[in-house]
Amino acid sequence: AKNTVYLQMNSLKPEDTAVYYCNANRVSEYWGQGTQVTV
């Protein structure tokens, strides 16, 4: 209904540090610009 996907991240570890990208995939594939997560 909101055209939104979520990622709830708990118990984060330093090795989870990365740029996180959203992806949409069917016949075509789309990417977001990314968001930085630093643990």
PDB file of all heavy atoms in Angstrom:
ATOM      1  N   ALA A   1       0.824  -1.204   0.000  1.00  0.00           N
ATOM      2  CA  ALA A   1       0.000   0.000   0.000  1.00  0.00           C
ATOM      3  C   ALA A   1       0.865   1.264   0.000  1.00  0.00           C
ATOM      4  O   ALA A   1       0.437   2.310  -0.495  1.00  0.00           O
ATOM      5  CB  ALA A   1      -0.938  -0.003   1.189  1.00  0.00           C
ATOM      6  N   LYS A   2       2.058   1.151   0.564  1.00  0.00           N
ATOM      7  CA  LYS A   2       2.965   2.298   0.643  1.00  0.00           C
ATOM      8  C   LYS A   2       4.119   2.201  -0.346  1.00  0.00           C
ATOM      9  O   LYS A   2       5.004   3.062  -0.353  1.00  0.00           O
ATOM     10  CB  LYS A   2       3.525   2.425   2.064  1.00  0.00           C
ATOM     11  CG  LYS A   2       2.470   2.734   3.112  1.00  0.00           C
ATOM     12  CD  LYS A   2       3.112   2.903   4.487  1.00  0.00           C
ATOM     13  CE  LYS A   2       2.056   3.254   5.528  1.00  0.00           C
ATOM     14  NZ  LYS A   2       2.664   3.432   6.880  1.00  0.00           N
ATOM     15  N   ASN A   3       4.129   1.147  -1.168  1.00  0.00           N
ATOM     16  CA  ASN A   3       5.231   0.948  -2.123  1.00  0.00           C
ATOM     17  C   ASN A   3       6.589   1.028  -1.432  1.00  0.00           C
ATOM     18  O   ASN A   3       7.523   1.690  -1.921  1.00  0.00           O
ATOM     19  CB  ASN A   3       5.165   1.975  -3.262  1.00  0.00           C
ATOM     20  CG  ASN A   3       4.059   1.696  -4.249  1.00  0.00           C
ATOM     21  OD1 ASN A   3       3.303   0.731  -4.096  1.00  0.00           O
ATOM     22  ND2 ASN A   3       3.930   2.524  -5.249  1.00  0.00           N
ATOM     23  N   THR A   4       6.700   0.357  -0.301  1.00  0.00           N
ATOM     24  CA  THR A   4       7.904   0.459   0.514  1.00  0.00           C
ATOM     25  C   THR A   4       8.340  -0.926   0.993  1.00  0.00           C
ATOM     26  O   THR A   4       7.503  -1.754   1.360  1.00  0.00           O
ATOM     27  CB  THR A   4       7.670   1.380   1.718  1.00  0.00           C
ATOM     28  OG1 THR A   4       7.297   2.685   1.247  1.00  0.00           O
ATOM     29  CG2 THR A   4       8.930   1.513   2.561  1.00  0.00           C
ATOM     30  N   VAL A   5       9.639  -1.136   0.987  1.00  0.00           N
ATOM     31  CA  VAL A   5      10.224  -2.342   1.555  1.00  0.00           C
ATOM     32  C   VAL A   5      11.132  -1.926   2.710  1.00  0.00           C
ATOM     33  O   VAL A   5      11.767  -0.864   2.646  1.00  0.00           O
ATOM     34  CB  VAL A   5      10.973  -3.168   0.492  1.00  0.00           C
ATOM     35  CG1 VAL A   5      12.137  -2.387  -0.110  1.00  0.00           C
ATOM     36  CG2 VAL A   5      11.441  -4.500   1.049  1.00  0.00           C
ATOM     37  N   TYR A   6      11.157  -2.751   3.740  1.00  0.00           N
ATOM     38  CA  TYR A   6      11.905  -2.433   4.955  1.00  0.00           C
ATOM     39  C   TYR A   6      12.938  -3.513   5.253  1.00  0.00           C
ATOM     40  O   TYR A   6      12.792  -4.662   4.849  1.00  0.00           O
ATOM     41  CB  TYR A   6      10.948  -2.334   6.147  1.00  0.00           C
ATOM     42  CG  TYR A   6       9.834  -1.348   5.971  1.00  0.00           C
ATOM     43  CD1 TYR A   6       8.569  -1.761   5.545  1.00  0.00           C
ATOM     44  CD2 TYR A   6      10.022   0.006   6.225  1.00  0.00           C
ATOM     45  CE1 TYR A   6       7.529  -0.853   5.383  1.00  0.00           C
ATOM     46  CE2 TYR A   6       8.989   0.916   6.065  1.00  0.00           C
ATOM     47  CZ  TYR A   6       7.748   0.484   5.636  1.00  0.00           C
ATOM     48  OH  TYR A   6       6.718   1.385   5.471  1.00  0.00           O
ATOM     49  N   LEU A   7      13.952  -3.126   5.992  1.00  0.00           N
ATOM     50  CA  LEU A   7      14.903  -4.087   6.532  1.00  0.00           C
ATOM     51  C   LEU A   7      15.138  -3.713   7.991  1.00  0.00           C
ATOM     52  O   LEU A   7      15.773  -2.701   8.277  1.00  0.00           O
ATOM     53  CB  LEU A   7      16.217  -4.082   5.758  1.00  0.00           C
ATOM     54  CG  LEU A   7      17.220  -5.146   6.202  1.00  0.00           C
ATOM     55  CD1 LEU A   7      16.694  -6.556   5.862  1.00  0.00           C
ATOM     56  CD2 LEU A   7      18.578  -4.933   5.549  1.00  0.00           C
ATOM     57  N   GLN A   8      14.591  -4.515   8.888  1.00  0.00           N
ATOM     58  CA  GLN A   8      14.836  -4.338  10.306  1.00  0.00           C
ATOM     59  C   GLN A   8      16.105  -5.085  10.673  1.00  0.00           C
ATOM     60  O   GLN A   8      16.194  -6.299  10.446  1.00  0.00           O
ATOM     61  CB  GLN A   8      13.655  -4.872  11.117  1.00  0.00           C
ATOM     62  CG  GLN A   8      13.840  -4.768  12.623  1.00  0.00           C
ATOM     63  CD  GLN A   8      13.888  -3.329  13.113  1.00  0.00           C
ATOM     64  OE1 GLN A   8      13.086  -2.501  12.699  1.00  0.00           O
ATOM     65  NE2 GLN A   8      14.835  -3.026  13.996  1.00  0.00           N
ATOM     66  N   MET A   9      17.074  -4.365  11.219  1.00  0.00           N
ATOM     67  CA  MET A   9      18.367  -4.944  11.535  1.00  0.00           C
ATOM     68  C   MET A   9      18.590  -4.849  13.047  1.00  0.00           C
ATOM     69  O   MET A   9      18.652  -3.735  13.594  1.00  0.00           O
ATOM     70  CB  MET A   9      19.483  -4.210  10.783  1.00  0.00           C
ATOM     71  CG  MET A   9      19.264  -4.188   9.280  1.00  0.00           C
ATOM     72  SD  MET A   9      20.668  -3.473   8.381  1.00  0.00           S
ATOM     73  CE  MET A   9      20.605  -1.789   8.958  1.00  0.00           C
ATOM     74  N   ASN A  10      18.693  -5.989  13.696  1.00  0.00           N
ATOM     75  CA  ASN A  10      18.923  -6.052  15.131  1.00  0.00           C
ATOM     76  C   ASN A  10      20.264  -6.722  15.418  1.00  0.00           C
ATOM     77  O   ASN A  10      20.838  -7.381  14.541  1.00  0.00           O
ATOM     78  CB  ASN A  10      17.802  -6.840  15.811  1.00  0.00           C
ATOM     79  CG  ASN A  10      16.438  -6.204  15.643  1.00  0.00           C
ATOM     80  OD1 ASN A  10      16.313  -4.982  15.551  1.00  0.00           O
ATOM     81  ND2 ASN A  10      15.400  -7.024  15.579  1.00  0.00           N
ATOM     82  N   SER A  11      20.728  -6.552  16.624  1.00  0.00           N
ATOM     83  CA  SER A  11      21.996  -7.169  17.057  1.00  0.00           C
ATOM     84  C   SER A  11      23.105  -6.908  16.042  1.00  0.00           C
ATOM     85  O   SER A  11      23.821  -7.817  15.626  1.00  0.00           O
ATOM     86  CB  SER A  11      21.802  -8.679  17.256  1.00  0.00           C
ATOM     87  OG  SER A  11      20.792  -8.944  18.202  1.00  0.00           O
ATOM     88  N   LEU A  12      23.236  -5.670  15.657  1.00  0.00           N
ATOM     89  CA  LEU A  12      24.202  -5.318  14.610  1.00  0.00           C
ATOM     90  C   LEU A  12      25.626  -5.555  15.068  1.00  0.00           C
ATOM     91  O   LEU A  12      25.971  -5.375  16.248  1.00  0.00           O
ATOM     92  CB  LEU A  12      23.997  -3.871  14.188  1.00  0.00           C
ATOM     93  CG  LEU A  12      22.800  -3.666  13.250  1.00  0.00           C
ATOM     94  CD1 LEU A  12      22.354  -2.211  13.240  1.00  0.00           C
ATOM     95  CD2 LEU A  12      23.150  -4.119  11.840  1.00  0.00           C
ATOM     96  N   LYS A  13      26.443  -5.970  14.106  1.00  0.00           N
ATOM     97  CA  LYS A  13      27.852  -6.277  14.338  1.00  0.00           C
ATOM     98  C   LYS A  13      28.714  -5.365  13.467  1.00  0.00           C
ATOM     99  O   LYS A  13      28.261  -4.894  12.411  1.00  0.00           O
ATOM    100  CB  LYS A  13      28.131  -7.727  13.973  1.00  0.00           C
ATOM    101  CG  LYS A  13      27.258  -8.743  14.683  1.00  0.00           C
ATOM    102  CD  LYS A  13      27.535 -10.146  14.168  1.00  0.00           C
ATOM    103  CE  LYS A  13      26.650 -11.185  14.857  1.00  0.00           C
ATOM    104  NZ  LYS A  13      26.928 -12.553  14.348  1.00  0.00           N
ATOM    105  N   PRO A  14      29.965  -5.156  13.850  1.00  0.00           N
ATOM    106  CA  PRO A  14      30.850  -4.332  13.004  1.00  0.00           C
ATOM    107  C   PRO A  14      30.940  -4.851  11.568  1.00  0.00           C
ATOM    108  O   PRO A  14      31.058  -4.047  10.639  1.00  0.00           O
ATOM    109  CB  PRO A  14      32.197  -4.434  13.727  1.00  0.00           C
ATOM    110  CG  PRO A  14      31.826  -4.637  15.157  1.00  0.00           C
ATOM    111  CD  PRO A  14      30.597  -5.504  15.134  1.00  0.00           C
ATOM    112  N   GLU A  15      30.856  -6.152  11.393  1.00  0.00           N
ATOM    113  CA  GLU A  15      30.936  -6.711  10.036  1.00  0.00           C
ATOM    114  C   GLU A  15      29.694  -6.449   9.191  1.00  0.00           C
ATOM    115  O   GLU A  15      29.673  -6.763   8.002  1.00  0.00           O
ATOM    116  CB  GLU A  15      31.230  -8.215  10.082  1.00  0.00           C
ATOM    117  CG  GLU A  15      30.311  -9.014  10.965  1.00  0.00           C
ATOM    118  CD  GLU A  15      30.909  -9.259  12.359  1.00  0.00           C
ATOM    119  OE1 GLU A  15      31.494  -8.320  12.937  1.00  0.00           O
ATOM    120  OE2 GLU A  15      30.761 -10.396  12.862  1.00  0.00           O
ATOM    121  N   ASP A  16      28.651  -5.864   9.785  1.00  0.00           N
ATOM    122  CA  ASP A  16      27.494  -5.443   9.014  1.00  0.00           C
ATOM    123  C   ASP A  16      27.709  -4.076   8.363  1.00  0.00           C
ATOM    124  O   ASP A  16      26.861  -3.614   7.590  1.00  0.00           O
ATOM    125  CB  ASP A  16      26.249  -5.380   9.913  1.00  0.00           C
ATOM    126  CG  ASP A  16      25.829  -6.734  10.444  1.00  0.00           C
ATOM    127  OD1 ASP A  16      25.843  -7.706   9.663  1.00  0.00           O
ATOM    128  OD2 ASP A  16      25.476  -6.815  11.635  1.00  0.00           O
ATOM    129  N   THR A  17      28.812  -3.428   8.675  1.00  0.00           N
ATOM    130  CA  THR A  17      29.114  -2.122   8.097  1.00  0.00           C
ATOM    131  C   THR A  17      29.248  -2.225   6.581  1.00  0.00           C
ATOM    132  O   THR A  17      30.025  -3.042   6.073  1.00  0.00           O
ATOM    133  CB  THR A  17      30.408  -1.558   8.700  1.00  0.00           C
ATOM    134  OG1 THR A  17      30.206  -1.324  10.096  1.00  0.00           O
ATOM    135  CG2 THR A  17      30.815  -0.268   8.014  1.00  0.00           C
ATOM    136  N   ALA A  18      28.472  -1.421   5.876  1.00  0.00           N
ATOM    137  CA  ALA A  18      28.459  -1.462   4.415  1.00  0.00           C
ATOM    138  C   ALA A  18      27.502  -0.394   3.899  1.00  0.00           C
ATOM    139  O   ALA A  18      26.756   0.219   4.678  1.00  0.00           O
ATOM    140  CB  ALA A  18      28.005  -2.836   3.914  1.00  0.00           C
ATOM    141  N   VAL A  19      27.522  -0.203   2.588  1.00  0.00           N
ATOM    142  CA  VAL A  19      26.460   0.547   1.931  1.00  0.00           C
ATOM    143  C   VAL A  19      25.360  -0.451   1.573  1.00  0.00           C
ATOM    144  O   VAL A  19      25.645  -1.491   0.964  1.00  0.00           O
ATOM    145  CB  VAL A  19      26.971   1.272   0.684  1.00  0.00           C
ATOM    146  CG1 VAL A  19      25.813   2.011  -0.006  1.00  0.00           C
ATOM    147  CG2 VAL A  19      28.085   2.240   1.037  1.00  0.00           C
ATOM    148  N   TYR A  20      24.157  -0.136   1.969  1.00  0.00           N
ATOM    149  CA  TYR A  20      23.019  -1.018   1.731  1.00  0.00           C
ATOM    150  C   TYR A  20      22.186  -0.473   0.564  1.00  0.00           C
ATOM    151  O   TYR A  20      21.829   0.702   0.550  1.00  0.00           O
ATOM    152  CB  TYR A  20      22.166  -1.145   2.992  1.00  0.00           C
ATOM    153  CG  TYR A  20      22.791  -2.056   4.025  1.00  0.00           C
ATOM    154  CD1 TYR A  20      23.941  -1.677   4.705  1.00  0.00           C
ATOM    155  CD2 TYR A  20      22.253  -3.312   4.295  1.00  0.00           C
ATOM    156  CE1 TYR A  20      24.539  -2.519   5.635  1.00  0.00           C
ATOM    157  CE2 TYR A  20      22.829  -4.166   5.227  1.00  0.00           C
ATOM    158  CZ  TYR A  20      23.977  -3.760   5.887  1.00  0.00           C
ATOM    159  OH  TYR A  20      24.564  -4.606   6.797  1.00  0.00           O
ATOM    160  N   TYR A  21      21.881  -1.370  -0.366  1.00  0.00           N
ATOM    161  CA  TYR A  21      21.164  -0.995  -1.581  1.00  0.00           C
ATOM    162  C   TYR A  21      19.835  -1.730  -1.662  1.00  0.00           C
ATOM    163  O   TYR A  21      19.754  -2.935  -1.379  1.00  0.00           O
ATOM    164  CB  TYR A  21      21.976  -1.342  -2.816  1.00  0.00           C
ATOM    165  CG  TYR A  21      23.283  -0.602  -2.944  1.00  0.00           C
ATOM    166  CD1 TYR A  21      24.452  -1.123  -2.423  1.00  0.00           C
ATOM    167  CD2 TYR A  21      23.336   0.614  -3.614  1.00  0.00           C
ATOM    168  CE1 TYR A  21      25.659  -0.463  -2.554  1.00  0.00           C
ATOM    169  CE2 TYR A  21      24.548   1.297  -3.754  1.00  0.00           C
ATOM    170  CZ  TYR A  21      25.691   0.748  -3.219  1.00  0.00           C
ATOM    171  OH  TYR A  21      26.884   1.422  -3.348  1.00  0.00           O
ATOM    172  N   CYS A  22      18.836  -1.021  -2.103  1.00  0.00           N
ATOM    173  CA  CYS A  22      17.537  -1.596  -2.385  1.00  0.00           C
ATOM    174  C   CYS A  22      17.496  -2.042  -3.848  1.00  0.00           C
ATOM    175  O   CYS A  22      18.039  -1.356  -4.721  1.00  0.00           O
ATOM    176  CB  CYS A  22      16.466  -0.530  -2.122  1.00  0.00           C
ATOM    177  SG  CYS A  22      14.771  -1.022  -2.443  1.00  0.00           S
ATOM    178  N   ASN A  23      16.864  -3.181  -4.094  1.00  0.00           N
ATOM    179  CA  ASN A  23      16.794  -3.741  -5.443  1.00  0.00           C
ATOM    180  C   ASN A  23      15.373  -4.184  -5.747  1.00  0.00           C
ATOM    181  O   ASN A  23      14.703  -4.750  -4.894  1.00  0.00           O
ATOM    182  CB  ASN A  23      17.751  -4.929  -5.542  1.00  0.00           C
ATOM    183  CG  ASN A  23      17.606  -5.695  -6.831  1.00  0.00           C
ATOM    184  OD1 ASN A  23      16.811  -6.621  -6.943  1.00  0.00           O
ATOM    185  ND2 ASN A  23      18.391  -5.302  -7.820  1.00  0.00           N
ATOM    186  N   ALA A  24      14.934  -3.920  -6.955  1.00  0.00           N
ATOM    187  CA  ALA A  24      13.648  -4.410  -7.450  1.00  0.00           C
ATOM    188  C   ALA A  24      13.918  -5.256  -8.677  1.00  0.00           C
ATOM    189  O   ALA A  24      14.688  -4.849  -9.566  1.00  0.00           O
ATOM    190  CB  ALA A  24      12.724  -3.255  -7.805  1.00  0.00           C
ATOM    191  N   ASN A  25      13.318  -6.420  -8.743  1.00  0.00           N
ATOM    192  CA  ASN A  25      13.660  -7.349  -9.817  1.00  0.00           C
ATOM    193  C   ASN A  25      12.425  -8.102 -10.292  1.00  0.00           C
ATOM    194  O   ASN A  25      11.711  -8.725  -9.504  1.00  0.00           O
ATOM    195  CB  ASN A  25      14.715  -8.334  -9.320  1.00  0.00           C
ATOM    196  CG  ASN A  25      15.301  -9.144 -10.442  1.00  0.00           C
ATOM    197  OD1 ASN A  25      15.145  -8.811 -11.619  1.00  0.00           O
ATOM    198  ND2 ASN A  25      15.969 -10.227 -10.106  1.00  0.00           N
ATOM    199  N   ARG A  26      12.191  -8.015 -11.594  1.00  0.00           N
ATOM    200  CA  ARG A  26      11.210  -8.891 -12.248  1.00  0.00           C
ATOM    201  C   ARG A  26      11.720  -9.078 -13.665  1.00  0.00           C
ATOM    202  O   ARG A  26      12.767  -9.711 -13.839  1.00  0.00           O
ATOM    203  CB  ARG A  26       9.801  -8.300 -12.190  1.00  0.00           C
ATOM    204  CG  ARG A  26       8.722  -9.300 -12.553  1.00  0.00           C
ATOM    205  CD  ARG A  26       7.332  -8.810 -12.262  1.00  0.00           C
ATOM    206  NE  ARG A  26       6.333  -9.830 -12.508  1.00  0.00           N
ATOM    207  CZ  ARG A  26       5.537  -9.863 -13.569  1.00  0.00           C
ATOM    208  NH1 ARG A  26       5.631  -8.920 -14.481  1.00  0.00           N
ATOM    209  NH2 ARG A  26       4.645 -10.827 -13.704  1.00  0.00           N
ATOM    210  N   VAL A  27      11.068  -8.526 -14.618  1.00  0.00           N
ATOM    211  CA  VAL A  27      11.627  -8.552 -15.967  1.00  0.00           C
ATOM    212  C   VAL A  27      12.754  -7.529 -16.056  1.00  0.00           C
ATOM    213  O   VAL A  27      13.826  -7.792 -16.620  1.00  0.00           O
ATOM    214  CB  VAL A  27      10.548  -8.256 -17.024  1.00  0.00           C
ATOM    215  CG1 VAL A  27      11.172  -8.180 -18.410  1.00  0.00           C
ATOM    216  CG2 VAL A  27       9.465  -9.329 -16.968  1.00  0.00           C
ATOM    217  N   SER A  28      12.523  -6.373 -15.465  1.00  0.00           N
ATOM    218  CA  SER A  28      13.549  -5.337 -15.350  1.00  0.00           C
ATOM    219  C   SER A  28      14.117  -5.334 -13.932  1.00  0.00           C
ATOM    220  O   SER A  28      13.518  -5.859 -13.000  1.00  0.00           O
ATOM    221  CB  SER A  28      12.947  -3.959 -15.661  1.00  0.00           C
ATOM    222  OG  SER A  28      12.407  -3.920 -16.966  1.00  0.00           O
ATOM    223  N   GLU A  29      15.282  -4.729 -13.810  1.00  0.00           N
ATOM    224  CA  GLU A  29      15.925  -4.649 -12.494  1.00  0.00           C
ATOM    225  C   GLU A  29      16.292  -3.201 -12.208  1.00  0.00           C
ATOM    226  O   GLU A  29      16.831  -2.506 -13.080  1.00  0.00           O
ATOM    227  CB  GLU A  29      17.178  -5.518 -12.449  1.00  0.00           C
ATOM    228  CG  GLU A  29      17.829  -5.587 -11.077  1.00  0.00           C
ATOM    229  CD  GLU A  29      18.974  -6.583 -11.028  1.00  0.00           C
ATOM    230  OE1 GLU A  29      19.643  -6.758 -12.063  1.00  0.00           O
ATOM    231  OE2 GLU A  29      19.202  -7.189  -9.961  1.00  0.00           O
ATOM    232  N   TYR A  30      16.015  -2.761 -10.981  1.00  0.00           N
ATOM    233  CA  TYR A  30      16.297  -1.392 -10.579  1.00  0.00           C
ATOM    234  C   TYR A  30      17.061  -1.387  -9.261  1.00  0.00           C
ATOM    235  O   TYR A  30      16.886  -2.287  -8.428  1.00  0.00           O
ATOM    236  CB  TYR A  30      14.981  -0.612 -10.405  1.00  0.00           C
ATOM    237  CG  TYR A  30      14.034  -0.702 -11.581  1.00  0.00           C
ATOM    238  CD1 TYR A  30      12.774  -1.285 -11.441  1.00  0.00           C
ATOM    239  CD2 TYR A  30      14.387  -0.198 -12.825  1.00  0.00           C
ATOM    240  CE1 TYR A  30      11.901  -1.366 -12.511  1.00  0.00           C
ATOM    241  CE2 TYR A  30      13.523  -0.295 -13.903  1.00  0.00           C
ATOM    242  CZ  TYR A  30      12.279  -0.881 -13.741  1.00  0.00           C
ATOM    243  OH  TYR A  30      11.424  -0.966 -14.820  1.00  0.00           O
ATOM    244  N   TRP A  31      17.872  -0.331  -9.086  1.00  0.00           N
ATOM    245  CA  TRP A  31      18.678  -0.176  -7.883  1.00  0.00           C
ATOM    246  C   TRP A  31      18.469   1.210  -7.284  1.00  0.00           C
ATOM    247  O   TRP A  31      18.304   2.189  -8.009  1.00  0.00           O
ATOM    248  CB  TRP A  31      20.165  -0.341  -8.207  1.00  0.00           C
ATOM    249  CG  TRP A  31      20.543  -1.725  -8.582  1.00  0.00           C
ATOM    250  CD1 TRP A  31      20.593  -2.265  -9.830  1.00  0.00           C
ATOM    251  CD2 TRP A  31      20.936  -2.776  -7.695  1.00  0.00           C
ATOM    252  NE1 TRP A  31      20.986  -3.573  -9.768  1.00  0.00           N
ATOM    253  CE2 TRP A  31      21.209  -3.913  -8.471  1.00  0.00           C
ATOM    254  CE3 TRP A  31      21.086  -2.857  -6.310  1.00  0.00           C
ATOM    255  CZ2 TRP A  31      21.633  -5.123  -7.909  1.00  0.00           C
ATOM    256  CZ3 TRP A  31      21.496  -4.054  -5.748  1.00  0.00           C
ATOM    257  CH2 TRP A  31      21.760  -5.178  -6.547  1.00  0.00           C
ATOM    258  N   GLY A  32      18.557   1.291  -5.973  1.00  0.00           N
ATOM    259  CA  GLY A  32      18.600   2.566  -5.297  1.00  0.00           C
ATOM    260  C   GLY A  32      20.021   3.086  -5.243  1.00  0.00           C
ATOM    261  O   GLY A  32      20.962   2.446  -5.709  1.00  0.00           O
ATOM    262  N   GLN A  33      20.171   4.254  -4.629  1.00  0.00           N
ATOM    263  CA  GLN A  33      21.479   4.902  -4.582  1.00  0.00           C
ATOM    264  C   GLN A  33      22.324   4.432  -3.407  1.00  0.00           C
ATOM    265  O   GLN A  33      23.525   4.696  -3.361  1.00  0.00           O
ATOM    266  CB  GLN A  33      21.310   6.433  -4.522  1.00  0.00           C
ATOM    267  CG  GLN A  33      21.029   6.991  -3.132  1.00  0.00           C
ATOM    268  CD  GLN A  33      19.639   6.694  -2.613  1.00  0.00           C
ATOM    269  OE1 GLN A  33      18.772   6.221  -3.338  1.00  0.00           O
ATOM    270  NE2 GLN A  33      19.394   6.967  -1.336  1.00  0.00           N
ATOM    271  N   GLY A  34      21.697   3.749  -2.462  1.00  0.00           N
ATOM    272  CA  GLY A  34      22.422   3.204  -1.319  1.00  0.00           C
ATOM    273  C   GLY A  34      22.363   4.093  -0.093  1.00  0.00           C
ATOM    274  O   GLY A  34      22.227   5.315  -0.195  1.00  0.00           O
ATOM    275  N   THR A  35      22.459   3.451   1.056  1.00  0.00           N
ATOM    276  CA  THR A  35      22.525   4.171   2.332  1.00  0.00           C
ATOM    277  C   THR A  35      23.602   3.526   3.195  1.00  0.00           C
ATOM    278  O   THR A  35      23.702   2.302   3.267  1.00  0.00           O
ATOM    279  CB  THR A  35      21.158   4.177   3.038  1.00  0.00           C
ATOM    280  OG1 THR A  35      21.215   4.999   4.208  1.00  0.00           O
ATOM    281  CG2 THR A  35      20.697   2.787   3.437  1.00  0.00           C
ATOM    282  N   GLN A  36      24.407   4.357   3.826  1.00  0.00           N
ATOM    283  CA  GLN A  36      25.547   3.860   4.604  1.00  0.00           C
ATOM    284  C   GLN A  36      25.081   3.390   5.975  1.00  0.00           C
ATOM    285  O   GLN A  36      24.380   4.115   6.686  1.00  0.00           O
ATOM    286  CB  GLN A  36      26.592   4.959   4.765  1.00  0.00           C
ATOM    287  CG  GLN A  36      27.784   4.574   5.627  1.00  0.00           C
ATOM    288  CD  GLN A  36      28.678   3.539   4.963  1.00  0.00           C
ATOM    289  OE1 GLN A  36      29.025   3.668   3.797  1.00  0.00           O
ATOM    290  NE2 GLN A  36      29.068   2.515   5.720  1.00  0.00           N
ATOM    291  N   VAL A  37      25.523   2.214   6.348  1.00  0.00           N
ATOM    292  CA  VAL A  37      25.330   1.692   7.704  1.00  0.00           C
ATOM    293  C   VAL A  37      26.706   1.443   8.297  1.00  0.00           C
ATOM    294  O   VAL A  37      27.512   0.710   7.716  1.00  0.00           O
ATOM    295  CB  VAL A  37      24.504   0.390   7.709  1.00  0.00           C
ATOM    296  CG1 VAL A  37      24.496  -0.240   9.098  1.00  0.00           C
ATOM    297  CG2 VAL A  37      23.084   0.669   7.232  1.00  0.00           C
ATOM    298  N   THR A  38      26.981   2.062   9.428  1.00  0.00           N
ATOM    299  CA  THR A  38      28.260   1.902  10.111  1.00  0.00           C
ATOM    300  C   THR A  38      27.997   1.419  11.524  1.00  0.00           C
ATOM    301  O   THR A  38      27.261   2.065  12.272  1.00  0.00           O
ATOM    302  CB  THR A  38      29.044   3.215  10.138  1.00  0.00           C
ATOM    303  OG1 THR A  38      29.246   3.684   8.804  1.00  0.00           O
ATOM    304  CG2 THR A  38      30.397   3.022  10.820  1.00  0.00           C
ATOM    305  N   VAL A  39      28.593   0.284  11.845  1.00  0.00           N
ATOM    306  CA  VAL A  39      28.446  -0.301  13.183  1.00  0.00           C
ATOM    307  C   VAL A  39      29.799  -0.198  13.874  1.00  0.00           C
ATOM    308  O   VAL A  39      30.754  -0.884  13.495  1.00  0.00           O
ATOM    309  CB  VAL A  39      27.970  -1.752  13.127  1.00  0.00           C
ATOM    310  CG1 VAL A  39      27.719  -2.283  14.537  1.00  0.00           C
ATOM    311  CG2 VAL A  39      26.719  -1.876  12.271  1.00  0.00           C
TER     312      VAL A  39
END
